Amino acid sequence: MFRSLLTVAVLLAVTGCAGAGASDTDGRTSGTGPITFATGRDTTAYLQPLLDRWNQAHPAEKVTLLELPEAADEQRAQMAANLQSKSDRYDVLGLDVTMTAEFADNGWIIPLERGAFPLDRFLPPVVETAIYRDKLWAVPYTSNAGLLYYRTDLVAKPPASWAELRRQAVGIRKKHTIGGYAGQFLAYEGLTVNFSEAVQAAGGRILDPEGTQVTLETGTATTALDYLVQGLREGWIPQESLSFKEEESRLAFQQGRLAFMRNWPHAYGPATAPGSAVRGKFAVTRLPGPSVLGGNNLAISAHSRHQQTAQAFIHYFTSLDNQRRVLTDGSFPPVWTELYDDPGLIERFPYLPVLKESILAAERRPASANYNQLSLVIASNVAKALAPPYTESAADVAASLKAELSEVLKTQ
């Protein structure tokens, strides 16, 4: 009973301080009242309990969850349509880290006071995803780095290179008649990420950090494409993975249909749950090459009528207490650095030290207001190379991709 009262007291203190510290940045952060939180679909059902805690403490400023599609580019499309119409339906926006520059550039979100949030206690690369042109436009909420999930009952030692992964996957597929490896290969942002990681593993990069120059070498792109096409031709990358987003690949691994899977950390929790075919039979390690940095940031709509409440809610939602719940209840990587060094959490989530290393070493996607168009060009070209019967040569696709990216940048 005492512990419950103490928890409520801490919650009220945190949220009370957040309200008192609400900033009138550029004179626009004002207004209190009910708000709507628009974010991607909650696949682990962890969000509502956190919202309920806020609502119990703030009956006049309740938050309503508005779930958007699972895929980041579909979320962007819905939010962009809403904000372009200057609708006040959305107050707090859960933005994929790739959206910060575009939303800020279009005036769809408001700048925030850096000193109002404990950014110095967050993972540094994660904070950078919320900054555009030296202004803070959002507050990091979750981070992400791609990890390699592998079957410990089939693999004695995880692969140290992509070439070794191929050898192991080929052998396992022949012996056990299951899929060797899958990532996210549907033509959407997930394919852009998977291809970017293949390019990075080959020693290259598609664009410069600002997204203003094409740095992709045709030979490097061809090497990356050939690896994926080879996997599909040889069958250790199953053909069905061409329709995989995050959830489809998670389910395939969780149902025991894959030996290896590239996915984000959120797939860990469901794979350990009762009923999972791989429960107690898998482990997680770093990708054989560099990961792309992912994550989700919280921003305030420029058209919200209750921006003060929105900022107080972001204070609450990104607090240390809730960040712990984001991990324990949702299996999403927190942004507070100290949580990755917590012995109790490491015991429960053994991959945390590896995940921390992966996040700190991950490549950030370009901070470009035109990122969405650049990503569409990448995904559509890569999808051509991966589509059977593989009549598009990897070299031709690589050259076409480089040319189209250059054309997009010329129009900026």
Protein backbone atom coordinates (compact mmCIF):
# COMPACT_ATOMS: atom_id res chain seq x y z
CA MET A 1 0.00 0.00 0.00
CA PHE A 2 2.80 2.38 0.94
CA ARG A 3 4.61 1.53 -2.31
CA SER A 4 1.48 2.28 -4.35
CA LEU A 5 1.01 5.64 -2.63
CA LEU A 6 4.67 6.43 -3.18
CA THR A 7 4.39 5.62 -6.89
CA VAL A 8 1.39 7.92 -7.25
CA ALA A 9 3.21 10.67 -5.37
CA VAL A 10 6.24 10.38 -7.65
CA LEU A 11 4.01 10.39 -10.72
CA LEU A 12 2.21 13.53 -9.58
CA ALA A 13 5.50 15.21 -8.76
CA VAL A 14 6.98 14.42 -12.17
CA THR A 15 3.95 15.47 -14.15
CA GLY A 16 3.40 18.51 -11.93
CA CYS A 17 6.94 19.67 -12.59
CA ALA A 18 6.45 19.03 -16.30
CA GLY A 19 3.40 21.27 -16.37
CA ALA A 20 5.12 24.00 -14.41
CA GLY A 21 8.11 23.88 -16.72
CA ALA A 22 6.12 24.05 -19.96
CA SER A 23 7.93 26.35 -22.35
CA ASP A 24 6.40 29.12 -24.40
CA THR A 25 8.89 28.49 -27.21
CA ASP A 26 8.25 31.11 -29.93
CA GLY A 27 5.06 31.97 -28.05
CA ARG A 28 3.27 28.87 -29.30
CA THR A 29 3.40 26.37 -26.45
CA SER A 30 0.15 27.17 -24.67
CA GLY A 31 -3.22 25.68 -23.88
CA THR A 32 -4.31 22.83 -21.66
CA GLY A 33 -7.00 20.22 -22.10
CA PRO A 34 -7.60 16.75 -23.60
CA ILE A 35 -5.07 15.59 -26.17
CA THR A 36 -4.68 12.88 -28.80
CA PHE A 37 -1.53 10.78 -29.14
CA ALA A 38 -1.06 9.58 -32.72
CA THR A 39 1.48 6.79 -33.11
CA GLY A 40 2.08 3.48 -34.87
CA ARG A 41 0.05 0.41 -34.03
CA ASP A 42 0.83 -1.00 -30.59
CA THR A 43 1.69 -4.62 -31.37
CA THR A 44 2.55 -5.53 -27.76
CA ALA A 45 -0.37 -3.83 -25.95
CA TYR A 46 1.89 -1.93 -23.57
CA LEU A 47 0.76 1.63 -24.33
CA GLN A 48 -2.72 1.80 -22.84
CA PRO A 49 -1.65 1.08 -19.22
CA LEU A 50 0.81 3.99 -19.44
CA LEU A 51 -1.92 6.24 -20.80
CA ASP A 52 -4.29 5.09 -18.06
CA ARG A 53 -1.81 6.21 -15.39
CA TRP A 54 -1.65 9.65 -16.95
CA ASN A 55 -5.43 9.88 -17.29
CA GLN A 56 -6.01 8.93 -13.67
CA ALA A 57 -3.75 11.76 -12.55
CA HIS A 58 -5.07 14.28 -15.14
CA PRO A 59 -8.86 13.90 -15.46
CA ALA A 60 -9.16 17.29 -17.21
CA GLU A 61 -6.28 16.59 -19.61
CA LYS A 62 -6.93 13.01 -20.68
CA VAL A 63 -5.00 11.54 -23.59
CA THR A 64 -6.63 9.40 -26.26
CA LEU A 65 -4.56 6.90 -28.23
CA LEU A 66 -4.95 7.04 -32.01
CA GLU A 67 -3.23 4.05 -33.55
CA LEU A 68 -1.83 4.49 -37.06
CA PRO A 69 -0.61 1.70 -39.38
CA GLU A 70 2.38 -0.42 -38.43
CA ALA A 71 4.68 0.73 -41.26
CA ALA A 72 6.48 4.06 -40.79
CA ASP A 73 5.79 5.31 -44.32
CA GLU A 74 2.06 4.66 -43.91
CA GLN A 75 2.13 6.52 -40.59
CA ARG A 76 3.86 9.42 -42.30
CA ALA A 77 1.23 9.56 -45.04
CA GLN A 78 -1.65 9.80 -42.56
CA MET A 79 0.05 12.36 -40.34
CA ALA A 80 1.17 14.48 -43.31
CA ALA A 81 -2.38 14.57 -44.69
CA ASN A 82 -3.72 15.67 -41.31
CA LEU A 83 -1.09 18.35 -40.76
CA GLN A 84 -1.31 19.72 -44.30
CA SER A 85 -5.00 20.36 -43.69
CA LYS A 86 -4.09 22.20 -40.45
CA SER A 87 -6.33 19.89 -38.47
CA ASP A 88 -6.04 20.00 -34.67
CA ARG A 89 -7.00 16.34 -34.33
CA TYR A 90 -3.43 15.29 -33.46
CA ASP A 91 -1.61 16.81 -30.49
CA VAL A 92 1.35 14.54 -29.76
CA LEU A 93 2.94 12.76 -32.72
CA GLY A 94 4.99 9.59 -32.50
CA LEU A 95 7.45 10.20 -35.32
CA ASP A 96 9.86 7.73 -36.84
CA VAL A 97 13.34 9.24 -36.54
CA THR A 98 13.42 9.79 -40.31
CA MET A 99 10.51 12.26 -40.15
CA THR A 100 11.99 14.98 -37.94
CA ALA A 101 13.54 17.07 -40.71
CA GLU A 102 10.53 16.94 -43.03
CA PHE A 103 7.97 17.78 -40.35
CA ALA A 104 10.12 20.62 -39.00
CA ASP A 105 10.85 21.99 -42.46
CA ASN A 106 7.14 22.10 -43.29
CA GLY A 107 6.22 23.84 -40.04
CA TRP A 108 4.07 20.92 -38.92
CA ILE A 109 5.67 20.61 -35.48
CA ILE A 110 6.96 23.19 -33.00
CA PRO A 111 10.51 23.62 -31.68
CA LEU A 112 11.10 22.67 -28.05
CA GLU A 113 13.34 24.04 -25.30
CA ARG A 114 16.39 21.78 -24.98
CA GLY A 115 16.84 22.55 -21.31
CA ALA A 116 13.32 21.38 -20.52
CA PHE A 117 14.28 17.71 -21.00
CA PRO A 118 17.09 15.56 -19.50
CA LEU A 119 18.75 15.02 -22.88
CA ASP A 120 22.19 14.62 -21.29
CA ARG A 121 20.99 11.33 -19.79
CA PHE A 122 19.84 9.97 -23.15
CA LEU A 123 21.94 8.00 -25.65
CA PRO A 124 23.75 10.68 -27.72
CA PRO A 125 23.00 9.27 -31.23
CA VAL A 126 19.33 9.12 -30.31
CA VAL A 127 19.22 12.79 -29.30
CA GLU A 128 20.73 13.74 -32.66
CA THR A 129 17.71 12.27 -34.47
CA ALA A 130 15.48 14.90 -32.82
CA ILE A 131 17.63 17.87 -33.85
CA TYR A 132 17.34 19.67 -37.18
CA ARG A 133 19.18 22.86 -38.08
CA ASP A 134 20.39 23.21 -34.50
CA LYS A 135 16.90 23.15 -32.98
CA LEU A 136 15.21 20.46 -30.92
CA TRP A 137 11.95 19.44 -32.63
CA ALA A 138 11.02 16.32 -30.68
CA VAL A 139 11.97 14.27 -27.62
CA PRO A 140 13.43 10.77 -28.08
CA TYR A 141 11.04 8.12 -26.82
CA THR A 142 12.42 4.81 -28.08
CA SER A 143 15.62 3.94 -29.85
CA ASN A 144 16.31 1.04 -32.18
CA ALA A 145 19.06 -0.90 -33.86
CA GLY A 146 18.75 -3.99 -35.97
CA LEU A 147 19.71 -7.24 -34.24
CA LEU A 148 20.30 -10.79 -35.43
CA TYR A 149 18.01 -13.40 -33.89
CA TYR A 150 19.28 -16.97 -34.22
CA ARG A 151 18.25 -20.47 -33.17
CA THR A 152 20.58 -21.76 -30.47
CA ASP A 153 19.35 -25.32 -31.04
CA LEU A 154 20.52 -25.13 -34.66
CA VAL A 155 23.51 -22.78 -34.47
CA ALA A 156 26.54 -23.55 -32.30
CA LYS A 157 28.02 -20.08 -32.72
CA PRO A 158 26.43 -16.99 -34.31
CA PRO A 159 27.98 -15.84 -37.61
CA ALA A 160 30.64 -13.15 -37.48
CA SER A 161 30.09 -12.12 -41.12
CA TRP A 162 27.31 -12.12 -43.69
CA ALA A 163 29.25 -14.70 -45.71
CA GLU A 164 29.31 -16.99 -42.68
CA LEU A 165 25.59 -16.43 -42.13
CA ARG A 166 24.95 -17.60 -45.70
CA ARG A 167 27.01 -20.79 -45.16
CA GLN A 168 25.18 -21.60 -41.94
CA ALA A 169 21.76 -20.79 -43.40
CA VAL A 170 22.36 -23.00 -46.45
CA GLY A 171 23.40 -25.92 -44.25
CA ILE A 172 20.48 -25.55 -41.84
CA ARG A 173 17.95 -25.30 -44.65
CA LYS A 174 19.19 -28.53 -46.23
CA LYS A 175 19.19 -30.42 -42.93
CA HIS A 176 16.02 -29.07 -41.33
CA THR A 177 13.96 -27.86 -44.31
CA ILE A 178 13.22 -24.46 -42.77
CA GLY A 179 13.98 -20.96 -43.99
CA GLY A 180 17.54 -19.84 -43.45
CA TYR A 181 17.28 -16.06 -43.07
CA ALA A 182 14.80 -13.24 -43.49
CA GLY A 183 14.63 -9.54 -42.89
CA GLN A 184 12.05 -7.03 -44.11
CA PHE A 185 11.97 -7.22 -47.90
CA LEU A 186 8.61 -5.74 -48.87
CA ALA A 187 9.03 -2.53 -50.90
CA TYR A 188 8.73 0.02 -48.06
CA GLU A 189 11.01 1.75 -45.55
CA GLY A 190 11.99 -1.63 -44.11
CA LEU A 191 13.55 -2.63 -47.44
CA THR A 192 15.43 0.67 -47.55
CA VAL A 193 16.86 -0.14 -44.10
CA ASN A 194 17.79 -3.73 -44.98
CA PHE A 195 19.48 -2.64 -48.20
CA SER A 196 21.28 0.20 -46.41
CA GLU A 197 22.70 -2.32 -43.93
CA ALA A 198 23.84 -4.55 -46.79
CA VAL A 199 25.59 -1.57 -48.41
CA GLN A 200 27.22 -0.64 -45.09
CA ALA A 201 28.41 -4.23 -44.65
CA ALA A 202 30.04 -3.92 -48.09
CA GLY A 203 31.86 -0.79 -46.92
CA GLY A 204 29.67 1.88 -48.49
CA ARG A 205 26.92 4.35 -47.77
CA ILE A 206 23.99 5.48 -49.92
CA LEU A 207 23.83 9.17 -48.96
CA ASP A 208 25.82 11.61 -46.86
CA PRO A 209 24.46 12.32 -43.32
CA GLU A 210 22.63 15.47 -44.49
CA GLY A 211 21.04 13.71 -47.45
CA THR A 212 22.45 16.27 -49.90
CA GLN A 213 24.88 14.06 -51.83
CA VAL A 214 24.77 10.54 -53.27
CA THR A 215 27.77 8.66 -51.91
CA LEU A 216 26.72 5.24 -53.23
CA GLU A 217 29.28 3.49 -55.42
CA THR A 218 27.80 1.29 -58.14
CA GLY A 219 30.14 -1.58 -57.31
CA THR A 220 29.19 -1.51 -53.62
CA ALA A 221 25.48 -1.41 -54.42
CA THR A 222 25.92 -4.34 -56.83
CA THR A 223 27.66 -6.38 -54.12
CA ALA A 224 24.83 -5.69 -51.67
CA LEU A 225 22.13 -6.56 -54.19
CA ASP A 226 23.91 -9.71 -55.34
CA TYR A 227 24.03 -11.02 -51.78
CA LEU A 228 20.27 -10.70 -51.35
CA VAL A 229 19.45 -12.02 -54.84
CA GLN A 230 21.78 -14.96 -54.30
CA GLY A 231 19.93 -15.82 -51.09
CA LEU A 232 16.58 -15.80 -52.89
CA ARG A 233 17.90 -17.84 -55.83
CA GLU A 234 19.49 -20.44 -53.56
CA GLY A 235 16.43 -20.57 -51.32
CA TRP A 236 18.03 -19.86 -47.95
CA ILE A 237 16.17 -16.55 -48.06
CA PRO A 238 12.57 -17.75 -48.53
CA GLN A 239 10.51 -16.22 -51.33
CA GLU A 240 7.72 -15.38 -48.87
CA SER A 241 10.05 -12.86 -47.21
CA LEU A 242 9.49 -10.54 -50.19
CA SER A 243 6.18 -9.73 -48.48
CA PHE A 244 7.66 -9.36 -45.00
CA LYS A 245 7.47 -6.27 -42.84
CA GLU A 246 8.55 -6.39 -39.19
CA GLU A 247 5.56 -8.34 -37.91
CA GLU A 248 5.58 -10.94 -40.68
CA SER A 249 9.26 -11.71 -40.14
CA ARG A 250 8.74 -11.81 -36.38
CA LEU A 251 5.92 -14.32 -36.71
CA ALA A 252 7.90 -16.51 -39.12
CA PHE A 253 10.79 -16.72 -36.65
CA GLN A 254 8.53 -17.10 -33.63
CA GLN A 255 6.69 -19.98 -35.34
CA GLY A 256 9.96 -21.81 -35.93
CA ARG A 257 10.11 -21.25 -39.68
CA LEU A 258 13.47 -19.42 -39.73
CA ALA A 259 16.95 -20.09 -38.43
CA PHE A 260 18.02 -16.42 -38.57
CA MET A 261 16.09 -13.17 -38.56
CA ARG A 262 17.05 -9.53 -38.80
CA ASN A 263 14.60 -7.49 -36.73
CA TRP A 264 14.31 -4.77 -34.11
CA PRO A 265 14.44 -5.57 -30.36
CA HIS A 266 10.64 -5.46 -29.97
CA ALA A 267 10.50 -8.99 -31.42
CA TYR A 268 12.31 -10.38 -28.35
CA GLY A 269 9.40 -10.24 -25.90
CA PRO A 270 6.83 -12.17 -28.00
CA ALA A 271 9.46 -14.78 -28.92
CA THR A 272 9.98 -15.57 -25.22
CA ALA A 273 6.26 -15.73 -24.41
CA PRO A 274 4.35 -18.97 -23.72
CA GLY A 275 3.26 -20.55 -27.01
CA SER A 276 6.30 -19.36 -28.94
CA ALA A 277 7.88 -22.23 -30.87
CA VAL A 278 11.35 -20.80 -30.23
CA ARG A 279 10.96 -20.03 -26.54
CA GLY A 280 14.21 -21.03 -24.83
CA LYS A 281 15.76 -21.90 -28.19
CA PHE A 282 17.05 -18.60 -29.51
CA ALA A 283 19.45 -15.79 -28.71
CA VAL A 284 20.15 -12.29 -30.00
CA THR A 285 23.41 -10.74 -31.14
CA ARG A 286 24.66 -7.83 -33.25
CA LEU A 287 24.22 -7.91 -36.98
CA PRO A 288 27.34 -9.09 -38.82
CA GLY A 289 27.66 -5.52 -40.13
CA PRO A 290 26.62 -2.03 -38.99
CA SER A 291 22.95 -1.44 -38.23
CA VAL A 292 20.79 1.48 -39.27
CA LEU A 293 19.66 3.61 -36.33
CA GLY A 294 15.92 3.49 -35.73
CA GLY A 295 13.57 4.79 -33.09
CA ASN A 296 10.62 6.96 -32.33
CA ASN A 297 10.45 10.58 -31.18
CA LEU A 298 7.57 12.55 -29.67
CA ALA A 299 6.69 15.91 -31.24
CA ILE A 300 3.92 18.47 -30.78
CA SER A 301 1.66 19.42 -33.66
CA ALA A 302 1.83 23.07 -34.67
CA HIS A 303 -1.98 22.98 -34.90
CA SER A 304 -2.62 21.53 -31.44
CA ARG A 305 -4.82 23.71 -29.22
CA HIS A 306 -3.43 22.12 -26.06
CA GLN A 307 0.32 22.36 -26.51
CA GLN A 308 1.08 22.90 -22.83
CA THR A 309 -0.64 19.64 -21.93
CA ALA A 310 1.12 17.97 -24.87
CA GLN A 311 4.52 19.00 -23.53
CA ALA A 312 3.66 17.89 -19.99
CA PHE A 313 2.55 14.54 -21.39
CA ILE A 314 5.86 14.15 -23.26
CA HIS A 315 7.70 14.85 -19.98
CA TYR A 316 5.69 12.10 -18.34
CA PHE A 317 5.96 9.63 -21.20
CA THR A 318 9.74 9.96 -21.54
CA SER A 319 10.45 9.87 -17.79
CA LEU A 320 12.86 7.26 -16.40
CA ASP A 321 10.03 5.32 -14.77
CA ASN A 322 8.08 5.00 -18.00
CA GLN A 323 11.19 4.29 -20.04
CA ARG A 324 11.71 1.24 -17.86
CA ARG A 325 8.15 0.13 -18.68
CA VAL A 326 8.72 0.75 -22.38
CA LEU A 327 11.38 -1.97 -22.14
CA THR A 328 9.82 -4.38 -19.64
CA ASP A 329 6.26 -4.23 -20.99
CA GLY A 330 6.80 -3.37 -24.65
CA SER A 331 10.27 -4.79 -25.42
CA PHE A 332 11.21 -1.47 -27.04
CA PRO A 333 14.69 -0.01 -26.48
CA PRO A 334 14.63 2.92 -24.05
CA VAL A 335 16.55 6.16 -24.61
CA TRP A 336 17.91 6.58 -21.06
CA THR A 337 21.54 5.41 -21.07
CA GLU A 338 21.53 4.14 -17.47
CA LEU A 339 18.85 1.53 -18.17
CA TYR A 340 21.26 -0.37 -20.43
CA ASP A 341 23.62 -0.85 -17.47
CA ASP A 342 20.96 -1.95 -14.95
CA PRO A 343 21.89 -5.47 -13.69
CA GLY A 344 18.24 -6.43 -13.09
CA LEU A 345 17.23 -5.46 -16.61
CA ILE A 346 20.25 -7.18 -18.14
CA GLU A 347 19.29 -10.39 -16.34
CA ARG A 348 15.83 -10.19 -17.87
CA PHE A 349 16.99 -8.85 -21.28
CA PRO A 350 20.47 -10.34 -21.84
CA TYR A 351 20.85 -8.56 -25.16
CA LEU A 352 20.92 -5.05 -23.60
CA PRO A 353 24.74 -4.62 -23.65
CA VAL A 354 24.82 -5.77 -27.27
CA LEU A 355 21.92 -3.47 -28.14
CA LYS A 356 23.66 -0.50 -26.51
CA GLU A 357 26.79 -1.19 -28.58
CA SER A 358 24.65 -1.51 -31.73
CA ILE A 359 22.85 1.79 -31.11
CA LEU A 360 26.06 3.68 -30.38
CA ALA A 361 27.65 2.28 -33.58
CA ALA A 362 24.55 2.50 -35.79
CA GLU A 363 24.41 4.65 -38.91
CA ARG A 364 21.91 7.48 -38.74
CA ARG A 365 19.66 7.90 -41.76
CA PRO A 366 20.04 11.24 -43.60
CA ALA A 367 18.54 14.29 -41.85
CA SER A 368 16.79 15.40 -45.02
CA ALA A 369 13.41 17.05 -45.44
CA ASN A 370 13.13 14.98 -48.62
CA TYR A 371 13.95 11.66 -46.98
CA ASN A 372 10.60 10.06 -47.77
CA GLN A 373 11.08 10.50 -51.52
CA LEU A 374 14.67 9.28 -51.33
CA SER A 375 13.54 6.18 -49.44
CA LEU A 376 10.83 5.43 -52.00
CA VAL A 377 13.42 5.55 -54.78
CA ILE A 378 15.69 3.15 -52.89
CA ALA A 379 12.95 0.65 -52.00
CA SER A 380 11.39 0.60 -55.49
CA ASN A 381 14.73 0.01 -57.23
CA VAL A 382 15.87 -2.68 -54.80
CA ALA A 383 12.49 -4.43 -55.14
CA LYS A 384 13.11 -4.72 -58.91
CA ALA A 385 16.36 -6.59 -58.31
CA LEU A 386 14.77 -8.95 -55.77
CA ALA A 387 11.71 -9.82 -57.86
CA PRO A 388 11.81 -13.23 -59.56
CA PRO A 389 12.75 -14.29 -62.20
CA TYR A 390 15.62 -11.84 -61.54
CA THR A 391 15.79 -10.46 -65.06
CA GLU A 392 17.07 -7.11 -63.73
CA SER A 393 20.82 -7.35 -63.27
CA ALA A 394 22.17 -6.04 -59.97
CA ALA A 395 24.63 -3.78 -61.79
CA ASP A 396 21.87 -2.19 -63.89
CA VAL A 397 19.66 -1.64 -60.84
CA ALA A 398 22.57 -0.13 -58.92
CA ALA A 399 23.31 2.31 -61.75
CA SER A 400 19.62 3.22 -62.06
CA LEU A 401 19.33 3.75 -58.31
CA LYS A 402 22.31 6.07 -58.20
CA ALA A 403 20.98 8.11 -61.15
CA GLU A 404 17.46 8.44 -59.70
CA LEU A 405 18.75 9.52 -56.30
CA SER A 406 20.84 12.19 -57.98
CA GLU A 407 17.77 13.43 -59.86
CA VAL A 408 15.76 13.69 -56.63
CA LEU A 409 18.50 15.73 -54.99
CA LYS A 410 18.64 18.11 -57.96
CA THR A 411 15.00 19.04 -57.38
CA GLN A 412 15.48 19.95 -53.72
